[in-house]
Amino acid sequence: MITLDHLTKQFAETIAVNDVSFNVRAGEIFGLIGPDGAGKTTTLRVISTAMMPTRGRVSVDGRDVAQNAEDIKKILGYMPQRFALYPDLTVVENLNFFADIFGSPQAERAALIEKLLGFARLENFKTRYAKNLSGGMQKKLALAATLMHRPRVLLLDEPTTGVDPVSRREFWDLLAQLHLDGVTIVISTPYLDEAERCTRVALMHRGKLIANDAPNQLRANLAAFVYEGHSAHARRAERALQKHAGILNLNTYGDVIRLIVDDAARIDSIQNVWHTQNIVVQNLRPVGARLEDVFVLAMSR
């Protein structure tokens, strides 16, 4: 449904997206993952036809974004990161406005708006001004407005940033419904727990694509070993290993020590270091890799 072929987008001397290639299959949820400045928003804007590539080619449903922008807009919905609706219009007035913009037929409009209000669970807030909605409700209204022309492709730029955990879960419930309806969804997010919900994810860093696969496959292909243990002196245990060979990543969370090593055989020498410094680490054991581990190692490499 979407193909990026060596996409590069440059602004003056800054290369925001650097020779990125991937494709998105019809009907899947595809995640763009990465920190601020990774190039996620720029990539989405090029796919949406809001920007043109500096080099390379991008196509949506077989149509080149540089040559068929108007045709692509008919099948594509784009929800930007910031709330882009009109704060001084009510929920229904915003939906009617976007129905006008998208050219939704008058005969179908009322039924479609009612359907989207039910879909977004906003039936009881029809006359509330958009500025008076909670952050999560604003996100759901923006999604409903983006769906006014029934797009087959949906681009979402960090749609759950800044909303509470309950609203995040409700928003993903809505995306699951769209996914079941066959809508192709590309979503950028800084939350790696959300990336776990995607069919496939692309990890981006400083404009480059550093990994691209299904989340479970990325974890399975991690060429490292992950261990966790507990210690009342976790920070001392961490400092003791600062110069130890073979440690790819080491973090502490309260009394939890989480380390990634290049070889499971390193664990004996690590425990010896702790023993010689009278540091007790209990229940040190191998654990499953998380997507966060994959991303951290990919960036460091």
C-alpha atoms as a PDB file:
ATOM      1  CA  MET A   1       0.000   0.000   0.000  1.00  0.00           C
ATOM      2  CA  ILE A   2       2.906   2.367   0.797  1.00  0.00           C
ATOM      3  CA  THR A   3       6.425   2.170  -0.614  1.00  0.00           C
ATOM      4  CA  LEU A   4       9.445   4.283   0.294  1.00  0.00           C
ATOM      5  CA  ASP A   5      12.339   3.812  -2.100  1.00  0.00           C
ATOM      6  CA  HIS A   6      15.538   5.530  -0.879  1.00  0.00           C
ATOM      7  CA  LEU A   7      13.628   8.510   0.501  1.00  0.00           C
ATOM      8  CA  THR A   8      15.760  11.502   1.449  1.00  0.00           C
ATOM      9  CA  LYS A   9      14.313  14.780   2.702  1.00  0.00           C
ATOM     10  CA  GLN A  10      16.667  17.682   3.252  1.00  0.00           C
ATOM     11  CA  PHE A  11      16.099  21.188   4.646  1.00  0.00           C
ATOM     12  CA  ALA A  12      19.044  23.451   3.745  1.00  0.00           C
ATOM     13  CA  GLU A  13      22.017  21.650   5.346  1.00  0.00           C
ATOM     14  CA  THR A  14      19.880  19.428   7.560  1.00  0.00           C
ATOM     15  CA  ILE A  15      19.048  15.906   6.344  1.00  0.00           C
ATOM     16  CA  ALA A  16      15.853  14.997   8.209  1.00  0.00           C
ATOM     17  CA  VAL A  17      15.334  11.638   6.461  1.00  0.00           C
ATOM     18  CA  ASN A  18      18.380   9.884   5.056  1.00  0.00           C
ATOM     19  CA  ASP A  19      18.006   7.193   2.362  1.00  0.00           C
ATOM     20  CA  VAL A  20      15.093   5.362   4.004  1.00  0.00           C
ATOM     21  CA  SER A  21      13.399   2.417   2.282  1.00  0.00           C
ATOM     22  CA  PHE A  22      10.498   0.288   3.531  1.00  0.00           C
ATOM     23  CA  ASN A  23       7.010  -0.763   2.505  1.00  0.00           C
ATOM     24  CA  VAL A  24       3.712  -0.981   4.359  1.00  0.00           C
ATOM     25  CA  ARG A  25       1.359  -3.800   3.463  1.00  0.00           C
ATOM     26  CA  ALA A  26      -2.342  -3.216   3.012  1.00  0.00           C
ATOM     27  CA  GLY A  27      -4.308  -3.578   6.230  1.00  0.00           C
ATOM     28  CA  GLU A  28      -1.428  -3.643   8.699  1.00  0.00           C
ATOM     29  CA  ILE A  29      -0.550  -1.335  11.587  1.00  0.00           C
ATOM     30  CA  PHE A  30       2.954  -0.080  10.881  1.00  0.00           C
ATOM     31  CA  GLY A  31       4.841   1.768  13.631  1.00  0.00           C
ATOM     32  CA  LEU A  32       7.509   4.435  13.216  1.00  0.00           C
ATOM     33  CA  ILE A  33       9.541   4.382  16.414  1.00  0.00           C
ATOM     34  CA  GLY A  34      12.291   6.721  17.511  1.00  0.00           C
ATOM     35  CA  PRO A  35      13.283   9.676  19.707  1.00  0.00           C
ATOM     36  CA  ASP A  36      12.645  13.327  18.876  1.00  0.00           C
ATOM     37  CA  GLY A  37      14.544  14.309  15.745  1.00  0.00           C
ATOM     38  CA  ALA A  38      14.550  10.785  14.348  1.00  0.00           C
ATOM     39  CA  GLY A  39      12.688  11.837  11.180  1.00  0.00           C
ATOM     40  CA  LYS A  40       9.302  10.261  11.945  1.00  0.00           C
ATOM     41  CA  THR A  41       7.161  13.358  11.386  1.00  0.00           C
ATOM     42  CA  THR A  42       8.985  14.298   8.185  1.00  0.00           C
ATOM     43  CA  THR A  43       8.497  10.772   6.847  1.00  0.00           C
ATOM     44  CA  LEU A  44       4.757  10.949   7.538  1.00  0.00           C
ATOM     45  CA  ARG A  45       4.488  14.379   5.923  1.00  0.00           C
ATOM     46  CA  VAL A  46       6.115  13.126   2.747  1.00  0.00           C
ATOM     47  CA  ILE A  47       3.788  10.109   2.634  1.00  0.00           C
ATOM     48  CA  SER A  48       0.819  12.459   3.161  1.00  0.00           C
ATOM     49  CA  THR A  49       1.941  14.610   0.153  1.00  0.00           C
ATOM     50  CA  ALA A  50       2.349  17.651   2.441  1.00  0.00           C
ATOM     51  CA  MET A  51       6.055  17.605   1.495  1.00  0.00           C
ATOM     52  CA  MET A  52       7.860  16.380  -1.570  1.00  0.00           C
ATOM     53  CA  PRO A  53      10.947  14.143  -1.424  1.00  0.00           C
ATOM     54  CA  THR A  54      14.350  15.706  -2.015  1.00  0.00           C
ATOM     55  CA  ARG A  55      15.509  12.412  -3.481  1.00  0.00           C
ATOM     56  CA  GLY A  56      14.002   8.970  -3.857  1.00  0.00           C
ATOM     57  CA  ARG A  57      10.435   7.914  -4.527  1.00  0.00           C
ATOM     58  CA  VAL A  58       7.355   7.471  -2.337  1.00  0.00           C
ATOM     59  CA  SER A  59       4.127   5.886  -3.547  1.00  0.00           C
ATOM     60  CA  VAL A  60       0.725   5.241  -1.984  1.00  0.00           C
ATOM     61  CA  ASP A  61      -1.455   2.561  -3.552  1.00  0.00           C
ATOM     62  CA  GLY A  62       0.825   2.608  -6.587  1.00  0.00           C
ATOM     63  CA  ARG A  63       0.612   6.394  -7.045  1.00  0.00           C
ATOM     64  CA  ASP A  64       3.702   8.593  -6.822  1.00  0.00           C
ATOM     65  CA  VAL A  65       3.303  11.353  -4.192  1.00  0.00           C
ATOM     66  CA  ALA A  66       5.115  13.846  -6.428  1.00  0.00           C
ATOM     67  CA  GLN A  67       2.847  13.258  -9.405  1.00  0.00           C
ATOM     68  CA  ASN A  68      -0.528  12.152  -8.011  1.00  0.00           C
ATOM     69  CA  ALA A  69      -0.953  14.112  -4.785  1.00  0.00           C
ATOM     70  CA  GLU A  70      -4.635  14.947  -5.350  1.00  0.00           C
ATOM     71  CA  ASP A  71      -5.568  11.328  -6.061  1.00  0.00           C
ATOM     72  CA  ILE A  72      -3.692  10.170  -2.954  1.00  0.00           C
ATOM     73  CA  LYS A  73      -5.458  12.688  -0.704  1.00  0.00           C
ATOM     74  CA  LYS A  74      -8.788  11.077  -1.568  1.00  0.00           C
ATOM     75  CA  ILE A  75      -7.791   7.777   0.044  1.00  0.00           C
ATOM     76  CA  LEU A  76      -5.563   9.073   2.833  1.00  0.00           C
ATOM     77  CA  GLY A  77      -6.233  10.597   6.258  1.00  0.00           C
ATOM     78  CA  TYR A  78      -3.493  12.455   8.162  1.00  0.00           C
ATOM     79  CA  MET A  79      -3.693  13.324  11.860  1.00  0.00           C
ATOM     80  CA  PRO A  80      -0.858  15.680  12.896  1.00  0.00           C
ATOM     81  CA  GLN A  81       0.817  15.618  16.278  1.00  0.00           C
ATOM     82  CA  ARG A  82      -0.743  18.857  17.500  1.00  0.00           C
ATOM     83  CA  PHE A  83      -4.491  19.322  17.903  1.00  0.00           C
ATOM     84  CA  ALA A  84      -5.491  20.791  14.541  1.00  0.00           C
ATOM     85  CA  LEU A  85      -9.248  21.289  14.908  1.00  0.00           C
ATOM     86  CA  TYR A  86     -11.083  24.532  15.670  1.00  0.00           C
ATOM     87  CA  PRO A  87     -11.333  25.179  19.436  1.00  0.00           C
ATOM     88  CA  ASP A  88     -14.273  27.593  19.098  1.00  0.00           C
ATOM     89  CA  LEU A  89     -16.417  25.108  17.182  1.00  0.00           C
ATOM     90  CA  THR A  90     -18.405  22.367  18.844  1.00  0.00           C
ATOM     91  CA  VAL A  91     -17.733  18.680  18.272  1.00  0.00           C
ATOM     92  CA  VAL A  92     -20.467  18.419  15.617  1.00  0.00           C
ATOM     93  CA  GLU A  93     -19.490  21.728  13.979  1.00  0.00           C
ATOM     94  CA  ASN A  94     -15.905  20.501  13.608  1.00  0.00           C
ATOM     95  CA  LEU A  95     -17.082  17.282  11.973  1.00  0.00           C
ATOM     96  CA  ASN A  96     -19.399  19.173   9.639  1.00  0.00           C
ATOM     97  CA  PHE A  97     -16.586  21.517   8.689  1.00  0.00           C
ATOM     98  CA  PHE A  98     -14.299  18.643   7.758  1.00  0.00           C
ATOM     99  CA  ALA A  99     -17.155  16.996   5.899  1.00  0.00           C
ATOM    100  CA  ASP A 100     -17.311  20.159   3.771  1.00  0.00           C
ATOM    101  CA  ILE A 101     -13.550  20.142   3.247  1.00  0.00           C
ATOM    102  CA  PHE A 102     -13.545  16.496   2.188  1.00  0.00           C
ATOM    103  CA  GLY A 103     -16.672  16.894   0.076  1.00  0.00           C
ATOM    104  CA  SER A 104     -18.706  14.292   1.952  1.00  0.00           C
ATOM    105  CA  PRO A 105     -22.154  13.909   0.293  1.00  0.00           C
ATOM    106  CA  GLN A 106     -24.916  15.706   2.178  1.00  0.00           C
ATOM    107  CA  ALA A 107     -27.197  12.676   1.949  1.00  0.00           C
ATOM    108  CA  GLU A 108     -24.706  10.519   3.838  1.00  0.00           C
ATOM    109  CA  ARG A 109     -23.263  13.120   6.184  1.00  0.00           C
ATOM    110  CA  ALA A 110     -25.654  12.950   9.141  1.00  0.00           C
ATOM    111  CA  ALA A 111     -25.455   9.167   9.348  1.00  0.00           C
ATOM    112  CA  LEU A 112     -21.661   9.229   9.021  1.00  0.00           C
ATOM    113  CA  ILE A 113     -21.283  11.838  11.769  1.00  0.00           C
ATOM    114  CA  GLU A 114     -23.503   9.818  14.102  1.00  0.00           C
ATOM    115  CA  LYS A 115     -21.487   6.710  13.328  1.00  0.00           C
ATOM    116  CA  LEU A 116     -18.178   8.479  14.029  1.00  0.00           C
ATOM    117  CA  LEU A 117     -19.509  10.038  17.230  1.00  0.00           C
ATOM    118  CA  GLY A 118     -20.447   6.568  18.425  1.00  0.00           C
ATOM    119  CA  PHE A 119     -17.141   5.159  17.233  1.00  0.00           C
ATOM    120  CA  ALA A 120     -15.191   7.837  19.156  1.00  0.00           C
ATOM    121  CA  ARG A 121     -17.573   7.661  22.127  1.00  0.00           C
ATOM    122  CA  LEU A 122     -18.445  11.344  21.852  1.00  0.00           C
ATOM    123  CA  GLU A 123     -22.234  11.036  21.524  1.00  0.00           C
ATOM    124  CA  ASN A 124     -22.800  12.918  24.792  1.00  0.00           C
ATOM    125  CA  PHE A 125     -20.506  15.792  23.849  1.00  0.00           C
ATOM    126  CA  LYS A 126     -21.955  16.950  20.523  1.00  0.00           C
ATOM    127  CA  THR A 127     -22.428  20.572  21.585  1.00  0.00           C
ATOM    128  CA  ARG A 128     -19.265  20.930  23.655  1.00  0.00           C
ATOM    129  CA  TYR A 129     -16.629  23.278  22.261  1.00  0.00           C
ATOM    130  CA  ALA A 130     -13.463  21.493  21.203  1.00  0.00           C
ATOM    131  CA  LYS A 131     -11.355  23.673  23.513  1.00  0.00           C
ATOM    132  CA  ASN A 132     -13.335  22.360  26.499  1.00  0.00           C
ATOM    133  CA  LEU A 133     -12.669  18.693  25.764  1.00  0.00           C
ATOM    134  CA  SER A 134     -10.066  16.726  27.695  1.00  0.00           C
ATOM    135  CA  GLY A 135      -6.819  15.879  25.930  1.00  0.00           C
ATOM    136  CA  GLY A 136      -7.921  12.321  25.244  1.00  0.00           C
ATOM    137  CA  MET A 137     -11.306  13.448  23.899  1.00  0.00           C
ATOM    138  CA  GLN A 138      -9.594  15.965  21.618  1.00  0.00           C
ATOM    139  CA  LYS A 139      -7.487  13.167  20.177  1.00  0.00           C
ATOM    140  CA  LYS A 140     -10.587  11.049  19.532  1.00  0.00           C
ATOM    141  CA  LEU A 141     -12.352  14.015  17.906  1.00  0.00           C
ATOM    142  CA  ALA A 142      -9.331  14.602  15.670  1.00  0.00           C
ATOM    143  CA  LEU A 143      -9.397  10.925  14.670  1.00  0.00           C
ATOM    144  CA  ALA A 144     -13.112  11.133  13.890  1.00  0.00           C
ATOM    145  CA  ALA A 145     -12.532  14.229  11.724  1.00  0.00           C
ATOM    146  CA  THR A 146      -9.716  12.436   9.891  1.00  0.00           C
ATOM    147  CA  LEU A 147     -12.127   9.601   9.083  1.00  0.00           C
ATOM    148  CA  MET A 148     -14.832  11.840   7.577  1.00  0.00           C
ATOM    149  CA  HIS A 149     -13.966  10.776   4.024  1.00  0.00           C
ATOM    150  CA  ARG A 150     -13.484   7.081   4.886  1.00  0.00           C
ATOM    151  CA  PRO A 151      -9.742   6.891   4.089  1.00  0.00           C
ATOM    152  CA  ARG A 152      -8.134   3.569   3.260  1.00  0.00           C
ATOM    153  CA  VAL A 153      -4.785   4.776   4.628  1.00  0.00           C
ATOM    154  CA  LEU A 154      -4.436   6.516   7.987  1.00  0.00           C
ATOM    155  CA  LEU A 155      -1.305   8.404   9.090  1.00  0.00           C
ATOM    156  CA  LEU A 156      -1.093   9.253  12.792  1.00  0.00           C
ATOM    157  CA  ASP A 157       1.741  11.373  14.202  1.00  0.00           C
ATOM    158  CA  GLU A 158       2.230  10.566  17.908  1.00  0.00           C
ATOM    159  CA  PRO A 159      -1.548  10.619  18.519  1.00  0.00           C
ATOM    160  CA  THR A 160      -1.379   9.607  22.196  1.00  0.00           C
ATOM    161  CA  THR A 161       1.380  11.936  23.362  1.00  0.00           C
ATOM    162  CA  GLY A 162       0.320  13.903  26.411  1.00  0.00           C
ATOM    163  CA  VAL A 163      -2.835  11.946  27.232  1.00  0.00           C
ATOM    164  CA  ASP A 164      -3.535   9.796  30.279  1.00  0.00           C
ATOM    165  CA  PRO A 165      -3.082   5.988  30.244  1.00  0.00           C
ATOM    166  CA  VAL A 166      -6.827   5.296  30.114  1.00  0.00           C
ATOM    167  CA  SER A 167      -7.262   7.562  27.069  1.00  0.00           C
ATOM    168  CA  ARG A 168      -4.273   5.907  25.415  1.00  0.00           C
ATOM    169  CA  ARG A 169      -5.900   2.502  25.832  1.00  0.00           C
ATOM    170  CA  GLU A 170      -9.244   3.786  24.512  1.00  0.00           C
ATOM    171  CA  PHE A 171      -7.519   5.338  21.490  1.00  0.00           C
ATOM    172  CA  TRP A 172      -5.813   2.036  20.684  1.00  0.00           C
ATOM    173  CA  ASP A 173      -9.156   0.256  21.020  1.00  0.00           C
ATOM    174  CA  LEU A 174     -10.426   2.544  18.250  1.00  0.00           C
ATOM    175  CA  LEU A 175      -7.379   1.767  16.099  1.00  0.00           C
ATOM    176  CA  ALA A 176      -8.003  -1.951  16.599  1.00  0.00           C
ATOM    177  CA  GLN A 177     -11.491  -1.527  15.169  1.00  0.00           C
ATOM    178  CA  LEU A 178     -10.115   0.312  12.147  1.00  0.00           C
ATOM    179  CA  HIS A 179      -7.507  -2.411  11.708  1.00  0.00           C
ATOM    180  CA  LEU A 180     -10.244  -5.058  11.649  1.00  0.00           C
ATOM    181  CA  ASP A 181     -12.021  -3.000   8.968  1.00  0.00           C
ATOM    182  CA  GLY A 182      -8.921  -3.282   6.756  1.00  0.00           C
ATOM    183  CA  VAL A 183      -7.639   0.289   7.103  1.00  0.00           C
ATOM    184  CA  THR A 184      -3.864   0.590   6.618  1.00  0.00           C
ATOM    185  CA  ILE A 185      -2.436   2.502   9.589  1.00  0.00           C
ATOM    186  CA  VAL A 186       0.986   4.115   9.931  1.00  0.00           C
ATOM    187  CA  ILE A 187       1.561   5.494  13.419  1.00  0.00           C
ATOM    188  CA  SER A 188       4.571   7.223  14.930  1.00  0.00           C
ATOM    189  CA  THR A 189       5.031   6.919  18.671  1.00  0.00           C
ATOM    190  CA  PRO A 190       7.725   7.402  21.308  1.00  0.00           C
ATOM    191  CA  TYR A 191       6.058   4.715  23.459  1.00  0.00           C
ATOM    192  CA  LEU A 192       7.608   1.313  22.950  1.00  0.00           C
ATOM    193  CA  ASP A 193       4.689  -0.439  24.650  1.00  0.00           C
ATOM    194  CA  GLU A 194       2.514   0.912  21.819  1.00  0.00           C
ATOM    195  CA  ALA A 195       5.004  -0.377  19.271  1.00  0.00           C
ATOM    196  CA  GLU A 196       4.298  -3.879  20.604  1.00  0.00           C
ATOM    197  CA  ARG A 197       0.749  -3.511  19.249  1.00  0.00           C
ATOM    198  CA  CYS A 198       1.953  -2.931  15.675  1.00  0.00           C
ATOM    199  CA  THR A 199       2.163  -5.564  12.963  1.00  0.00           C
ATOM    200  CA  ARG A 200       5.653  -4.328  12.099  1.00  0.00           C
ATOM    201  CA  VAL A 201       7.819  -1.469  13.299  1.00  0.00           C
ATOM    202  CA  ALA A 202      10.573   0.639  11.780  1.00  0.00           C
ATOM    203  CA  LEU A 203      13.162   1.961  14.226  1.00  0.00           C
ATOM    204  CA  MET A 204      14.515   5.360  13.177  1.00  0.00           C
ATOM    205  CA  HIS A 205      17.448   7.316  14.577  1.00  0.00           C
ATOM    206  CA  ARG A 206      18.840  10.613  13.259  1.00  0.00           C
ATOM    207  CA  GLY A 207      16.978  10.242   9.997  1.00  0.00           C
ATOM    208  CA  LYS A 208      18.113   6.701   9.284  1.00  0.00           C
ATOM    209  CA  LEU A 209      16.280   3.383   9.383  1.00  0.00           C
ATOM    210  CA  ILE A 210      18.136   1.101  11.782  1.00  0.00           C
ATOM    211  CA  ALA A 211      15.729  -1.849  12.006  1.00  0.00           C
ATOM    212  CA  ASN A 212      12.460  -2.971  10.428  1.00  0.00           C
ATOM    213  CA  ASP A 213      10.512  -6.103  11.344  1.00  0.00           C
ATOM    214  CA  ALA A 214       7.711  -7.522  13.468  1.00  0.00           C
ATOM    215  CA  PRO A 215       8.224  -6.769  17.191  1.00  0.00           C
ATOM    216  CA  ASN A 216       8.556 -10.443  18.169  1.00  0.00           C
ATOM    217  CA  GLN A 217      11.066 -11.011  15.370  1.00  0.00           C
ATOM    218  CA  LEU A 218      13.160  -8.015  16.429  1.00  0.00           C
ATOM    219  CA  ARG A 219      13.300  -9.380  19.971  1.00  0.00           C
ATOM    220  CA  ALA A 220      14.134 -12.879  18.745  1.00  0.00           C
ATOM    221  CA  ASN A 221      16.991 -11.560  16.590  1.00  0.00           C
ATOM    222  CA  LEU A 222      18.638  -9.626  19.423  1.00  0.00           C
ATOM    223  CA  ALA A 223      22.246 -10.798  19.336  1.00  0.00           C
ATOM    224  CA  ALA A 224      22.682 -10.443  23.094  1.00  0.00           C
ATOM    225  CA  PHE A 225      21.598 -11.846  26.446  1.00  0.00           C
ATOM    226  CA  VAL A 226      19.426  -9.993  28.962  1.00  0.00           C
ATOM    227  CA  TYR A 227      19.610 -10.545  32.730  1.00  0.00           C
ATOM    228  CA  GLU A 228      17.826  -9.078  35.734  1.00  0.00           C
ATOM    229  CA  GLY A 229      18.575  -9.215  39.434  1.00  0.00           C
ATOM    230  CA  HIS A 230      17.781  -7.417  42.697  1.00  0.00           C
ATOM    231  CA  SER A 231      20.066  -5.652  45.120  1.00  0.00           C
ATOM    232  CA  ALA A 232      19.722  -3.234  48.018  1.00  0.00           C
ATOM    233  CA  HIS A 233      22.870  -1.611  46.586  1.00  0.00           C
ATOM    234  CA  ALA A 234      21.878  -1.534  42.922  1.00  0.00           C
ATOM    235  CA  ARG A 235      23.716   1.709  42.128  1.00  0.00           C
ATOM    236  CA  ARG A 236      26.943   0.376  43.668  1.00  0.00           C
ATOM    237  CA  ALA A 237      26.500  -2.800  41.624  1.00  0.00           C
ATOM    238  CA  GLU A 238      26.105  -0.685  38.494  1.00  0.00           C
ATOM    239  CA  ARG A 239      29.188   1.440  39.187  1.00  0.00           C
ATOM    240  CA  ALA A 240      31.280  -1.655  39.859  1.00  0.00           C
ATOM    241  CA  LEU A 241      30.743  -2.810  36.264  1.00  0.00           C
ATOM    242  CA  GLN A 242      31.426   0.476  34.474  1.00  0.00           C
ATOM    243  CA  LYS A 243      34.573  -0.855  32.748  1.00  0.00           C
ATOM    244  CA  HIS A 244      33.662  -4.529  32.561  1.00  0.00           C
ATOM    245  CA  ALA A 245      34.078  -6.106  29.124  1.00  0.00           C
ATOM    246  CA  GLY A 246      31.101  -7.424  27.212  1.00  0.00           C
ATOM    247  CA  ILE A 247      28.370  -5.299  28.821  1.00  0.00           C
ATOM    248  CA  LEU A 248      26.265  -3.744  26.090  1.00  0.00           C
ATOM    249  CA  ASN A 249      23.806  -1.956  28.357  1.00  0.00           C
ATOM    250  CA  LEU A 250      23.309  -1.619  32.107  1.00  0.00           C
ATOM    251  CA  ASN A 251      20.499   0.119  34.000  1.00  0.00           C
ATOM    252  CA  THR A 252      19.045   0.170  37.487  1.00  0.00           C
ATOM    253  CA  TYR A 253      15.400   0.757  38.425  1.00  0.00           C
ATOM    254  CA  GLY A 254      15.052   1.030  42.193  1.00  0.00           C
ATOM    255  CA  ASP A 255      16.497  -2.239  43.446  1.00  0.00           C
ATOM    256  CA  VAL A 256      16.345  -3.888  40.015  1.00  0.00           C
ATOM    257  CA  ILE A 257      19.506  -4.340  37.930  1.00  0.00           C
ATOM    258  CA  ARG A 258      19.008  -4.997  34.213  1.00  0.00           C
ATOM    259  CA  LEU A 259      22.030  -5.738  32.058  1.00  0.00           C
ATOM    260  CA  ILE A 260      22.604  -6.860  28.488  1.00  0.00           C
ATOM    261  CA  VAL A 261      25.768  -8.791  27.677  1.00  0.00           C
ATOM    262  CA  ASP A 262      27.281 -10.059  24.457  1.00  0.00           C
ATOM    263  CA  ASP A 263      27.879 -13.566  25.851  1.00  0.00           C
ATOM    264  CA  ALA A 264      26.124 -15.512  28.611  1.00  0.00           C
ATOM    265  CA  ALA A 265      29.558 -16.670  29.820  1.00  0.00           C
ATOM    266  CA  ARG A 266      30.214 -13.110  31.070  1.00  0.00           C
ATOM    267  CA  ILE A 267      27.860 -13.626  34.011  1.00  0.00           C
ATOM    268  CA  ASP A 268      30.418 -15.588  36.079  1.00  0.00           C
ATOM    269  CA  SER A 269      33.011 -12.815  35.907  1.00  0.00           C
ATOM    270  CA  ILE A 270      30.332 -10.169  36.608  1.00  0.00           C
ATOM    271  CA  GLN A 271      29.252 -11.997  39.758  1.00  0.00           C
ATOM    272  CA  ASN A 272      32.898 -12.300  40.799  1.00  0.00           C
ATOM    273  CA  VAL A 273      33.281  -8.506  40.578  1.00  0.00           C
ATOM    274  CA  TRP A 274      30.288  -8.035  42.839  1.00  0.00           C
ATOM    275  CA  HIS A 275      31.503 -10.711  45.257  1.00  0.00           C
ATOM    276  CA  THR A 276      34.949  -9.122  45.666  1.00  0.00           C
ATOM    277  CA  GLN A 277      33.291  -5.763  46.498  1.00  0.00           C
ATOM    278  CA  ASN A 278      30.816  -7.337  48.950  1.00  0.00           C
ATOM    279  CA  ILE A 279      27.826  -6.428  46.790  1.00  0.00           C
ATOM    280  CA  VAL A 280      24.936  -8.861  47.097  1.00  0.00           C
ATOM    281  CA  VAL A 281      22.809  -9.297  43.948  1.00  0.00           C
ATOM    282  CA  GLN A 282      19.970 -11.746  44.384  1.00  0.00           C
ATOM    283  CA  ASN A 283      18.062 -13.821  41.858  1.00  0.00           C
ATOM    284  CA  LEU A 284      20.162 -12.842  38.833  1.00  0.00           C
ATOM    285  CA  ARG A 285      18.476 -14.656  35.947  1.00  0.00           C
ATOM    286  CA  PRO A 286      18.011 -14.496  32.164  1.00  0.00           C
ATOM    287  CA  VAL A 287      14.844 -12.687  31.049  1.00  0.00           C
ATOM    288  CA  GLY A 288      13.148 -12.046  27.737  1.00  0.00           C
ATOM    289  CA  ALA A 289      14.285  -9.112  25.621  1.00  0.00           C
ATOM    290  CA  ARG A 290      12.015  -6.085  25.327  1.00  0.00           C
ATOM    291  CA  LEU A 291      11.611  -3.860  22.307  1.00  0.00           C
ATOM    292  CA  GLU A 292      13.341  -1.160  24.343  1.00  0.00           C
ATOM    293  CA  ASP A 293      16.427  -3.400  24.537  1.00  0.00           C
ATOM    294  CA  VAL A 294      16.408  -3.849  20.770  1.00  0.00           C
ATOM    295  CA  PHE A 295      16.129  -0.110  20.195  1.00  0.00           C
ATOM    296  CA  VAL A 296      18.840   0.845  22.699  1.00  0.00           C
ATOM    297  CA  LEU A 297      21.319  -1.637  21.234  1.00  0.00           C
ATOM    298  CA  ALA A 298      20.489  -0.668  17.648  1.00  0.00           C
ATOM    299  CA  MET A 299      21.121   3.009  18.432  1.00  0.00           C
ATOM    300  CA  SER A 300      24.378   2.301  20.287  1.00  0.00           C
ATOM    301  CA  ARG A 301      25.663   0.235  17.388  1.00  0.00           C
END
